[in-house]
Amino acid sequence: MGAGARIVQTMKMDHGKRLAEAARAVAALRASIAADPGERARLHAVKQWQAHRLARTHHDLLSEPRHGMAARFFLDDLYGAKDFSQRDAELARIVPLMSALLPGAALATVADAVEMDALSERLDLDLARRLRAGKAAAIDEAAYAEAYRAGGSRAERERQLALIGSIGRSLDRLVRHPMLGRLLHAMAAPARLAGLSNMQDFLSRGFDAFRAIGGASDFLGRIERRERAILEALYAGASSGWIEAPDAPTDASAGSAGSAGSSGSDPAAGRRPRGGRT
């Protein structure tokens, strides 16, 4: 094996190790949460509130034919209020196979996605413990902003945002390899038989969503600018008015009365995303 091949192999092993460690971390965290019904309910409330917030901030992306599928993948599959316990269980079983079969770039992307999942779960749990809300309706913009600043660290929030961009750009590159798409879809039947359909569906949805865009730089740029603006606003002390994306088009009917500061406890109440679930 030449020096170049050894470097590639070492990098692939590092991605596989990172994937395995992140998968163990998120599975252990979710198992501990599942054992406490109160904590599980509070975490679900935070995730529901955040899902509404994301749908409101990115309502235009959700409604655009070109970007809607990718926006929904980001909001539902990478950072949503779903129960991912089955996907976690499947991931733990399939990590060795993925490490052996996936190209290094694809393995790195999956490792990034699981690392972000573990980081987001930890940050969300911290928010849930500070807010102590049993329902999303009990959370308001100001309380969320205060808990956000008090919990976690700015470095962790920066890392979360960086992973969003890294995962998106990696997917954008990977979809240019048609063989990978065919491989993912060919795995559907064997995955179902092996009890791995959730993980296979997740990978296929991400591939199909980004392939449909035909170049994701504008899509990713809009998400990153908005989430960066929100992060900066929150750490600058904002309590209201930070949910609305500064570069997102606003509905004429919303006017100034539809601002985030007047939306009460439901961040989606001021303006529902056109064409998107809330």
C-alpha atoms as a PDB file:
ATOM      1  CA  MET A   1       0.000   0.000   0.000  1.00  0.00           C
ATOM      2  CA  GLY A   2       1.388   3.393  -1.013  1.00  0.00           C
ATOM      3  CA  ALA A   3       1.707   6.383   1.300  1.00  0.00           C
ATOM      4  CA  GLY A   4      -1.341   8.097  -0.201  1.00  0.00           C
ATOM      5  CA  ALA A   5      -3.502   5.005   0.215  1.00  0.00           C
ATOM      6  CA  ARG A   6      -2.345   4.626   3.831  1.00  0.00           C
ATOM      7  CA  ILE A   7      -3.343   8.234   4.588  1.00  0.00           C
ATOM      8  CA  VAL A   8      -6.789   7.696   3.072  1.00  0.00           C
ATOM      9  CA  GLN A   9      -7.230   4.472   5.041  1.00  0.00           C
ATOM     10  CA  THR A  10      -6.172   6.178   8.285  1.00  0.00           C
ATOM     11  CA  MET A  11      -8.603   9.034   7.689  1.00  0.00           C
ATOM     12  CA  LYS A  12     -11.419   6.557   7.014  1.00  0.00           C
ATOM     13  CA  MET A  13     -10.612   4.705  10.244  1.00  0.00           C
ATOM     14  CA  ASP A  14     -10.736   8.029  12.125  1.00  0.00           C
ATOM     15  CA  HIS A  15     -14.191   8.793  10.668  1.00  0.00           C
ATOM     16  CA  GLY A  16     -15.381   5.314  11.615  1.00  0.00           C
ATOM     17  CA  LYS A  17     -14.120   5.750  15.178  1.00  0.00           C
ATOM     18  CA  ARG A  18     -15.760   9.174  15.435  1.00  0.00           C
ATOM     19  CA  LEU A  19     -19.024   7.735  14.135  1.00  0.00           C
ATOM     20  CA  ALA A  20     -18.951   4.864  16.630  1.00  0.00           C
ATOM     21  CA  GLU A  21     -18.214   7.194  19.560  1.00  0.00           C
ATOM     22  CA  ALA A  22     -20.959   9.665  18.613  1.00  0.00           C
ATOM     23  CA  ALA A  23     -23.455   6.829  18.102  1.00  0.00           C
ATOM     24  CA  ARG A  24     -22.698   5.420  21.562  1.00  0.00           C
ATOM     25  CA  ALA A  25     -22.947   8.869  23.164  1.00  0.00           C
ATOM     26  CA  VAL A  26     -26.341   9.765  21.680  1.00  0.00           C
ATOM     27  CA  ALA A  27     -27.787   6.304  22.354  1.00  0.00           C
ATOM     28  CA  ALA A  28     -26.694   6.412  26.005  1.00  0.00           C
ATOM     29  CA  LEU A  29     -28.072   9.927  26.465  1.00  0.00           C
ATOM     30  CA  ARG A  30     -31.446   9.030  24.950  1.00  0.00           C
ATOM     31  CA  ALA A  31     -31.650   5.868  27.039  1.00  0.00           C
ATOM     32  CA  SER A  32     -31.200   7.904  30.232  1.00  0.00           C
ATOM     33  CA  ILE A  33     -33.842  10.398  29.091  1.00  0.00           C
ATOM     34  CA  ALA A  34     -36.290   7.601  28.250  1.00  0.00           C
ATOM     35  CA  ALA A  35     -36.005   6.319  31.823  1.00  0.00           C
ATOM     36  CA  ASP A  36     -37.370   9.616  33.213  1.00  0.00           C
ATOM     37  CA  PRO A  37     -40.904  10.434  31.935  1.00  0.00           C
ATOM     38  CA  GLY A  38     -40.793  14.001  33.263  1.00  0.00           C
ATOM     39  CA  GLU A  39     -37.492  14.780  31.639  1.00  0.00           C
ATOM     40  CA  ARG A  40     -38.652  13.154  28.404  1.00  0.00           C
ATOM     41  CA  ALA A  41     -41.755  15.371  28.337  1.00  0.00           C
ATOM     42  CA  ARG A  42     -39.756  18.542  29.017  1.00  0.00           C
ATOM     43  CA  LEU A  43     -37.240  17.691  26.297  1.00  0.00           C
ATOM     44  CA  HIS A  44     -40.046  16.994  23.825  1.00  0.00           C
ATOM     45  CA  ALA A  45     -41.577  20.392  24.639  1.00  0.00           C
ATOM     46  CA  VAL A  46     -38.266  22.129  23.854  1.00  0.00           C
ATOM     47  CA  LYS A  47     -37.904  20.218  20.592  1.00  0.00           C
ATOM     48  CA  GLN A  48     -41.449  21.050  19.526  1.00  0.00           C
ATOM     49  CA  TRP A  49     -40.888  24.729  20.264  1.00  0.00           C
ATOM     50  CA  GLN A  50     -37.643  24.693  18.312  1.00  0.00           C
ATOM     51  CA  ALA A  51     -39.281  22.910  15.391  1.00  0.00           C
ATOM     52  CA  HIS A  52     -41.891  25.689  15.239  1.00  0.00           C
ATOM     53  CA  ARG A  53     -39.148  28.295  15.474  1.00  0.00           C
ATOM     54  CA  LEU A  54     -37.127  26.761  12.660  1.00  0.00           C
ATOM     55  CA  ALA A  55     -40.214  26.434  10.459  1.00  0.00           C
ATOM     56  CA  ARG A  56     -40.977  30.094  11.017  1.00  0.00           C
ATOM     57  CA  THR A  57     -37.425  31.319  10.439  1.00  0.00           C
ATOM     58  CA  HIS A  58     -37.082  29.279   7.231  1.00  0.00           C
ATOM     59  CA  HIS A  59     -40.691  29.362   6.029  1.00  0.00           C
ATOM     60  CA  ASP A  60     -39.686  30.543   2.555  1.00  0.00           C
ATOM     61  CA  LEU A  61     -37.217  27.673   2.045  1.00  0.00           C
ATOM     62  CA  LEU A  62     -39.892  25.177   3.054  1.00  0.00           C
ATOM     63  CA  SER A  63     -42.300  26.604   0.494  1.00  0.00           C
ATOM     64  CA  GLU A  64     -39.880  26.774  -2.453  1.00  0.00           C
ATOM     65  CA  PRO A  65     -40.165  23.861  -4.925  1.00  0.00           C
ATOM     66  CA  ARG A  66     -36.412  23.733  -5.374  1.00  0.00           C
ATOM     67  CA  HIS A  67     -35.454  23.850  -1.687  1.00  0.00           C
ATOM     68  CA  GLY A  68     -38.491  22.464   0.127  1.00  0.00           C
ATOM     69  CA  MET A  69     -37.368  18.835   0.320  1.00  0.00           C
ATOM     70  CA  ALA A  70     -33.893  19.712   1.595  1.00  0.00           C
ATOM     71  CA  ALA A  71     -35.312  22.199   4.111  1.00  0.00           C
ATOM     72  CA  ARG A  72     -37.679  19.544   5.432  1.00  0.00           C
ATOM     73  CA  PHE A  73     -34.791  17.057   5.715  1.00  0.00           C
ATOM     74  CA  PHE A  74     -32.788  19.555   7.768  1.00  0.00           C
ATOM     75  CA  LEU A  75     -35.696  20.502  10.007  1.00  0.00           C
ATOM     76  CA  ASP A  76     -37.145  17.006  10.485  1.00  0.00           C
ATOM     77  CA  ASP A  77     -34.301  14.530  10.127  1.00  0.00           C
ATOM     78  CA  LEU A  78     -31.279  16.455  11.353  1.00  0.00           C
ATOM     79  CA  TYR A  79     -32.867  18.765  13.904  1.00  0.00           C
ATOM     80  CA  GLY A  80     -36.433  17.752  14.527  1.00  0.00           C
ATOM     81  CA  ALA A  81     -38.804  16.706  17.306  1.00  0.00           C
ATOM     82  CA  LYS A  82     -39.012  13.095  16.133  1.00  0.00           C
ATOM     83  CA  ASP A  83     -38.273  10.060  18.265  1.00  0.00           C
ATOM     84  CA  PHE A  84     -34.929   8.841  16.904  1.00  0.00           C
ATOM     85  CA  SER A  85     -34.509   5.897  19.285  1.00  0.00           C
ATOM     86  CA  GLN A  86     -35.137   3.288  16.559  1.00  0.00           C
ATOM     87  CA  ARG A  87     -32.641   4.975  14.253  1.00  0.00           C
ATOM     88  CA  ASP A  88     -30.121   5.025  17.111  1.00  0.00           C
ATOM     89  CA  ALA A  89     -30.566   1.291  17.692  1.00  0.00           C
ATOM     90  CA  GLU A  90     -30.131   0.561  13.995  1.00  0.00           C
ATOM     91  CA  LEU A  91     -27.069   2.788  13.775  1.00  0.00           C
ATOM     92  CA  ALA A  92     -25.336   0.921  16.590  1.00  0.00           C
ATOM     93  CA  ARG A  93     -25.777  -2.309  14.626  1.00  0.00           C
ATOM     94  CA  ILE A  94     -24.708  -0.956  11.263  1.00  0.00           C
ATOM     95  CA  VAL A  95     -21.647   1.149  12.190  1.00  0.00           C
ATOM     96  CA  PRO A  96     -19.105  -1.635  11.482  1.00  0.00           C
ATOM     97  CA  LEU A  97     -20.663  -2.338   8.073  1.00  0.00           C
ATOM     98  CA  MET A  98     -20.821   1.344   7.167  1.00  0.00           C
ATOM     99  CA  SER A  99     -17.179   1.784   8.187  1.00  0.00           C
ATOM    100  CA  ALA A 100     -16.201  -1.073   5.894  1.00  0.00           C
ATOM    101  CA  LEU A 101     -18.345  -0.254   2.840  1.00  0.00           C
ATOM    102  CA  LEU A 102     -18.909   3.501   2.619  1.00  0.00           C
ATOM    103  CA  PRO A 103     -16.407   5.757   0.866  1.00  0.00           C
ATOM    104  CA  GLY A 104     -14.425   7.952   3.238  1.00  0.00           C
ATOM    105  CA  ALA A 105     -16.321  11.125   2.288  1.00  0.00           C
ATOM    106  CA  ALA A 106     -19.711   9.491   2.870  1.00  0.00           C
ATOM    107  CA  LEU A 107     -18.557   8.020   6.176  1.00  0.00           C
ATOM    108  CA  ALA A 108     -17.339  11.445   7.307  1.00  0.00           C
ATOM    109  CA  THR A 109     -20.739  12.962   6.470  1.00  0.00           C
ATOM    110  CA  VAL A 110     -22.619  10.338   8.489  1.00  0.00           C
ATOM    111  CA  ALA A 111     -20.165  10.839  11.378  1.00  0.00           C
ATOM    112  CA  ASP A 112     -20.794  14.602  11.262  1.00  0.00           C
ATOM    113  CA  ALA A 113     -24.570  14.047  11.268  1.00  0.00           C
ATOM    114  CA  VAL A 114     -24.446  11.735  14.296  1.00  0.00           C
ATOM    115  CA  GLU A 115     -22.009  14.043  16.084  1.00  0.00           C
ATOM    116  CA  MET A 116     -24.412  16.937  15.535  1.00  0.00           C
ATOM    117  CA  ASP A 117     -27.277  14.769  16.751  1.00  0.00           C
ATOM    118  CA  ALA A 118     -25.402  13.992  19.985  1.00  0.00           C
ATOM    119  CA  LEU A 119     -24.419  17.638  20.508  1.00  0.00           C
ATOM    120  CA  SER A 120     -27.936  18.917  19.795  1.00  0.00           C
ATOM    121  CA  GLU A 121     -29.475  16.363  22.157  1.00  0.00           C
ATOM    122  CA  ARG A 122     -27.146  17.463  24.944  1.00  0.00           C
ATOM    123  CA  LEU A 123     -27.820  21.171  24.365  1.00  0.00           C
ATOM    124  CA  ASP A 124     -31.573  20.594  24.124  1.00  0.00           C
ATOM    125  CA  LEU A 125     -31.552  18.620  27.362  1.00  0.00           C
ATOM    126  CA  ASP A 126     -29.801  21.487  29.115  1.00  0.00           C
ATOM    127  CA  LEU A 127     -32.471  23.877  27.814  1.00  0.00           C
ATOM    128  CA  ALA A 128     -35.228  21.518  28.970  1.00  0.00           C
ATOM    129  CA  ARG A 129     -33.793  21.341  32.481  1.00  0.00           C
ATOM    130  CA  ARG A 130     -33.609  25.124  32.697  1.00  0.00           C
ATOM    131  CA  LEU A 131     -37.038  25.831  31.202  1.00  0.00           C
ATOM    132  CA  ARG A 132     -38.852  22.967  32.982  1.00  0.00           C
ATOM    133  CA  ALA A 133     -41.847  23.270  30.644  1.00  0.00           C
ATOM    134  CA  GLY A 134     -44.087  20.259  30.149  1.00  0.00           C
ATOM    135  CA  LYS A 135     -45.551  21.646  26.916  1.00  0.00           C
ATOM    136  CA  ALA A 136     -44.219  23.783  24.077  1.00  0.00           C
ATOM    137  CA  ALA A 137     -46.991  26.338  24.725  1.00  0.00           C
ATOM    138  CA  ALA A 138     -45.460  27.032  28.146  1.00  0.00           C
ATOM    139  CA  ILE A 139     -42.231  28.315  26.524  1.00  0.00           C
ATOM    140  CA  ASP A 140     -41.970  31.856  25.264  1.00  0.00           C
ATOM    141  CA  GLU A 141     -39.324  33.697  23.301  1.00  0.00           C
ATOM    142  CA  ALA A 142     -37.818  35.560  26.245  1.00  0.00           C
ATOM    143  CA  ALA A 143     -37.586  32.493  28.500  1.00  0.00           C
ATOM    144  CA  TYR A 144     -35.986  30.478  25.713  1.00  0.00           C
ATOM    145  CA  ALA A 145     -33.437  33.247  25.044  1.00  0.00           C
ATOM    146  CA  GLU A 146     -32.469  33.404  28.715  1.00  0.00           C
ATOM    147  CA  ALA A 147     -32.079  29.621  28.975  1.00  0.00           C
ATOM    148  CA  TYR A 148     -30.065  29.546  25.728  1.00  0.00           C
ATOM    149  CA  ARG A 149     -27.541  32.048  27.102  1.00  0.00           C
ATOM    150  CA  ALA A 150     -27.334  30.352  30.483  1.00  0.00           C
ATOM    151  CA  GLY A 151     -26.815  26.831  29.180  1.00  0.00           C
ATOM    152  CA  GLY A 152     -24.160  25.145  27.084  1.00  0.00           C
ATOM    153  CA  SER A 153     -21.409  27.356  25.759  1.00  0.00           C
ATOM    154  CA  ARG A 154     -20.948  29.614  22.789  1.00  0.00           C
ATOM    155  CA  ALA A 155     -18.239  27.284  21.485  1.00  0.00           C
ATOM    156  CA  GLU A 156     -20.732  24.393  21.439  1.00  0.00           C
ATOM    157  CA  ARG A 157     -23.336  26.516  19.649  1.00  0.00           C
ATOM    158  CA  GLU A 158     -20.704  27.560  17.112  1.00  0.00           C
ATOM    159  CA  ARG A 159     -19.779  23.919  16.600  1.00  0.00           C
ATOM    160  CA  GLN A 160     -23.443  23.022  16.066  1.00  0.00           C
ATOM    161  CA  LEU A 161     -23.770  25.696  13.380  1.00  0.00           C
ATOM    162  CA  ALA A 162     -20.500  24.649  11.736  1.00  0.00           C
ATOM    163  CA  LEU A 163     -21.697  21.045  11.530  1.00  0.00           C
ATOM    164  CA  ILE A 164     -24.907  22.120   9.792  1.00  0.00           C
ATOM    165  CA  GLY A 165     -22.868  23.755   7.040  1.00  0.00           C
ATOM    166  CA  SER A 166     -20.350  20.914   6.852  1.00  0.00           C
ATOM    167  CA  ILE A 167     -23.049  18.250   6.527  1.00  0.00           C
ATOM    168  CA  GLY A 168     -24.895  20.216   3.866  1.00  0.00           C
ATOM    169  CA  ARG A 169     -21.800  20.865   1.761  1.00  0.00           C
ATOM    170  CA  SER A 170     -20.740  17.232   2.050  1.00  0.00           C
ATOM    171  CA  LEU A 171     -24.154  16.024   0.918  1.00  0.00           C
ATOM    172  CA  ASP A 172     -24.024  18.472  -1.976  1.00  0.00           C
ATOM    173  CA  ARG A 173     -20.759  16.902  -3.123  1.00  0.00           C
ATOM    174  CA  LEU A 174     -21.881  13.323  -2.569  1.00  0.00           C
ATOM    175  CA  VAL A 175     -25.043  13.614  -4.667  1.00  0.00           C
ATOM    176  CA  ARG A 176     -22.859  14.201  -7.719  1.00  0.00           C
ATOM    177  CA  HIS A 177     -21.882  10.512  -7.544  1.00  0.00           C
ATOM    178  CA  PRO A 178     -24.849   8.616  -9.056  1.00  0.00           C
ATOM    179  CA  MET A 179     -23.454   5.228  -8.027  1.00  0.00           C
ATOM    180  CA  LEU A 180     -23.878   6.167  -4.375  1.00  0.00           C
ATOM    181  CA  GLY A 181     -27.544   7.018  -4.901  1.00  0.00           C
ATOM    182  CA  ARG A 182     -28.173   3.734  -6.691  1.00  0.00           C
ATOM    183  CA  LEU A 183     -26.405   1.870  -3.882  1.00  0.00           C
ATOM    184  CA  LEU A 184     -28.557   3.515  -1.213  1.00  0.00           C
ATOM    185  CA  HIS A 185     -31.794   2.688  -3.001  1.00  0.00           C
ATOM    186  CA  ALA A 186     -30.646  -0.866  -3.758  1.00  0.00           C
ATOM    187  CA  MET A 187     -30.117  -1.320  -0.010  1.00  0.00           C
ATOM    188  CA  ALA A 188     -33.803  -0.633   0.758  1.00  0.00           C
ATOM    189  CA  ALA A 189     -35.109  -4.209   0.613  1.00  0.00           C
ATOM    190  CA  PRO A 190     -32.126  -5.813   2.410  1.00  0.00           C
ATOM    191  CA  ALA A 191     -32.305  -3.073   5.061  1.00  0.00           C
ATOM    192  CA  ARG A 192     -35.973  -3.818   5.757  1.00  0.00           C
ATOM    193  CA  LEU A 193     -35.249  -7.531   6.081  1.00  0.00           C
ATOM    194  CA  ALA A 194     -32.374  -6.793   8.453  1.00  0.00           C
ATOM    195  CA  GLY A 195     -34.460  -4.392  10.566  1.00  0.00           C
ATOM    196  CA  LEU A 196     -32.451  -1.368   9.429  1.00  0.00           C
ATOM    197  CA  SER A 197     -35.093   0.499   7.440  1.00  0.00           C
ATOM    198  CA  ASN A 198     -35.039   3.698   9.535  1.00  0.00           C
ATOM    199  CA  MET A 199     -31.338   4.305   8.956  1.00  0.00           C
ATOM    200  CA  GLN A 200     -31.569   3.435   5.260  1.00  0.00           C
ATOM    201  CA  ASP A 201     -34.561   5.764   4.831  1.00  0.00           C
ATOM    202  CA  PHE A 202     -32.655   8.568   6.582  1.00  0.00           C
ATOM    203  CA  LEU A 203     -29.665   8.221   4.258  1.00  0.00           C
ATOM    204  CA  SER A 204     -31.823   7.955   1.141  1.00  0.00           C
ATOM    205  CA  ARG A 205     -33.944  10.988   2.074  1.00  0.00           C
ATOM    206  CA  GLY A 206     -30.864  13.110   2.572  1.00  0.00           C
ATOM    207  CA  PHE A 207     -29.377  12.019  -0.744  1.00  0.00           C
ATOM    208  CA  ASP A 208     -32.625  12.581  -2.676  1.00  0.00           C
ATOM    209  CA  ALA A 209     -33.293  15.955  -1.026  1.00  0.00           C
ATOM    210  CA  PHE A 210     -29.922  17.397  -1.971  1.00  0.00           C
ATOM    211  CA  ARG A 211     -29.890  15.863  -5.418  1.00  0.00           C
ATOM    212  CA  ALA A 212     -33.178  17.686  -6.124  1.00  0.00           C
ATOM    213  CA  ILE A 213     -31.591  21.084  -5.422  1.00  0.00           C
ATOM    214  CA  GLY A 214     -28.986  20.890  -8.165  1.00  0.00           C
ATOM    215  CA  GLY A 215     -26.414  22.885  -6.205  1.00  0.00           C
ATOM    216  CA  ALA A 216     -26.928  23.762  -2.548  1.00  0.00           C
ATOM    217  CA  SER A 217     -24.692  26.810  -2.018  1.00  0.00           C
ATOM    218  CA  ASP A 218     -27.569  29.321  -1.974  1.00  0.00           C
ATOM    219  CA  PHE A 219     -29.716  27.098   0.250  1.00  0.00           C
ATOM    220  CA  LEU A 220     -26.932  26.517   2.767  1.00  0.00           C
ATOM    221  CA  GLY A 221     -25.869  30.157   2.706  1.00  0.00           C
ATOM    222  CA  ARG A 222     -29.365  31.314   3.618  1.00  0.00           C
ATOM    223  CA  ILE A 223     -29.631  28.858   6.509  1.00  0.00           C
ATOM    224  CA  GLU A 224     -26.193  29.684   7.851  1.00  0.00           C
ATOM    225  CA  ARG A 225     -26.694  33.474   7.641  1.00  0.00           C
ATOM    226  CA  ARG A 226     -30.014  33.284   9.467  1.00  0.00           C
ATOM    227  CA  GLU A 227     -28.865  30.928  12.185  1.00  0.00           C
ATOM    228  CA  ARG A 228     -25.700  32.987  12.632  1.00  0.00           C
ATOM    229  CA  ALA A 229     -27.783  36.167  12.992  1.00  0.00           C
ATOM    230  CA  ILE A 230     -29.943  34.469  15.631  1.00  0.00           C
ATOM    231  CA  LEU A 231     -26.921  33.185  17.552  1.00  0.00           C
ATOM    232  CA  GLU A 232     -25.378  36.677  17.557  1.00  0.00           C
ATOM    233  CA  ALA A 233     -28.659  38.291  18.618  1.00  0.00           C
ATOM    234  CA  LEU A 234     -29.145  35.877  21.508  1.00  0.00           C
ATOM    235  CA  TYR A 235     -25.618  36.299  22.825  1.00  0.00           C
ATOM    236  CA  ALA A 236     -26.023  40.065  22.483  1.00  0.00           C
ATOM    237  CA  GLY A 237     -28.900  39.836  24.960  1.00  0.00           C
ATOM    238  CA  ALA A 238     -31.990  39.806  22.716  1.00  0.00           C
ATOM    239  CA  SER A 239     -35.183  38.630  24.389  1.00  0.00           C
ATOM    240  CA  SER A 240     -37.669  39.251  21.581  1.00  0.00           C
ATOM    241  CA  GLY A 241     -37.715  39.875  17.858  1.00  0.00           C
ATOM    242  CA  TRP A 242     -34.908  37.416  17.129  1.00  0.00           C
ATOM    243  CA  ILE A 243     -36.922  34.618  15.508  1.00  0.00           C
ATOM    244  CA  GLU A 244     -37.546  36.381  12.202  1.00  0.00           C
ATOM    245  CA  ALA A 245     -34.778  35.835   9.660  1.00  0.00           C
ATOM    246  CA  PRO A 246     -33.320  39.180   8.519  1.00  0.00           C
ATOM    247  CA  ASP A 247     -33.071  38.109   4.874  1.00  0.00           C
ATOM    248  CA  ALA A 248     -36.320  36.109   4.634  1.00  0.00           C
ATOM    249  CA  PRO A 249     -39.237  37.617   2.686  1.00  0.00           C
ATOM    250  CA  THR A 250     -42.132  38.608   4.895  1.00  0.00           C
ATOM    251  CA  ASP A 251     -45.823  38.292   4.141  1.00  0.00           C
ATOM    252  CA  ALA A 252     -47.423  41.645   3.386  1.00  0.00           C
ATOM    253  CA  SER A 253     -50.335  40.653   5.593  1.00  0.00           C
ATOM    254  CA  ALA A 254     -48.063  40.126   8.585  1.00  0.00           C
ATOM    255  CA  GLY A 255     -46.801  43.696   8.753  1.00  0.00           C
ATOM    256  CA  SER A 256     -45.108  44.894  11.867  1.00  0.00           C
ATOM    257  CA  ALA A 257     -47.734  43.164  14.015  1.00  0.00           C
ATOM    258  CA  GLY A 258     -46.429  39.762  12.909  1.00  0.00           C
ATOM    259  CA  SER A 259     -43.037  40.226  14.535  1.00  0.00           C
ATOM    260  CA  ALA A 260     -41.565  37.512  16.730  1.00  0.00           C
ATOM    261  CA  GLY A 261     -41.985  39.644  19.792  1.00  0.00           C
ATOM    262  CA  SER A 262     -45.788  39.575  19.475  1.00  0.00           C
ATOM    263  CA  SER A 263     -46.151  35.850  18.861  1.00  0.00           C
ATOM    264  CA  GLY A 264     -46.651  34.833  22.468  1.00  0.00           C
ATOM    265  CA  SER A 265     -45.602  31.346  23.545  1.00  0.00           C
ATOM    266  CA  ASP A 266     -45.862  29.763  20.088  1.00  0.00           C
ATOM    267  CA  PRO A 267     -43.148  30.991  17.732  1.00  0.00           C
ATOM    268  CA  ALA A 268     -45.157  29.729  14.758  1.00  0.00           C
ATOM    269  CA  ALA A 269     -48.267  31.689  15.685  1.00  0.00           C
ATOM    270  CA  GLY A 270     -47.298  34.944  13.983  1.00  0.00           C
ATOM    271  CA  ARG A 271     -46.799  33.401  10.554  1.00  0.00           C
ATOM    272  CA  ARG A 272     -47.163  29.758   9.597  1.00  0.00           C
ATOM    273  CA  PRO A 273     -44.696  28.475   7.010  1.00  0.00           C
ATOM    274  CA  ARG A 274     -46.276  28.230   3.589  1.00  0.00           C
ATOM    275  CA  GLY A 275     -46.325  24.595   2.559  1.00  0.00           C
ATOM    276  CA  GLY A 276     -44.483  23.391   5.675  1.00  0.00           C
ATOM    277  CA  ARG A 277     -45.621  21.496   8.770  1.00  0.00           C
ATOM    278  CA  THR A 278     -45.536  23.251  12.122  1.00  0.00           C
END
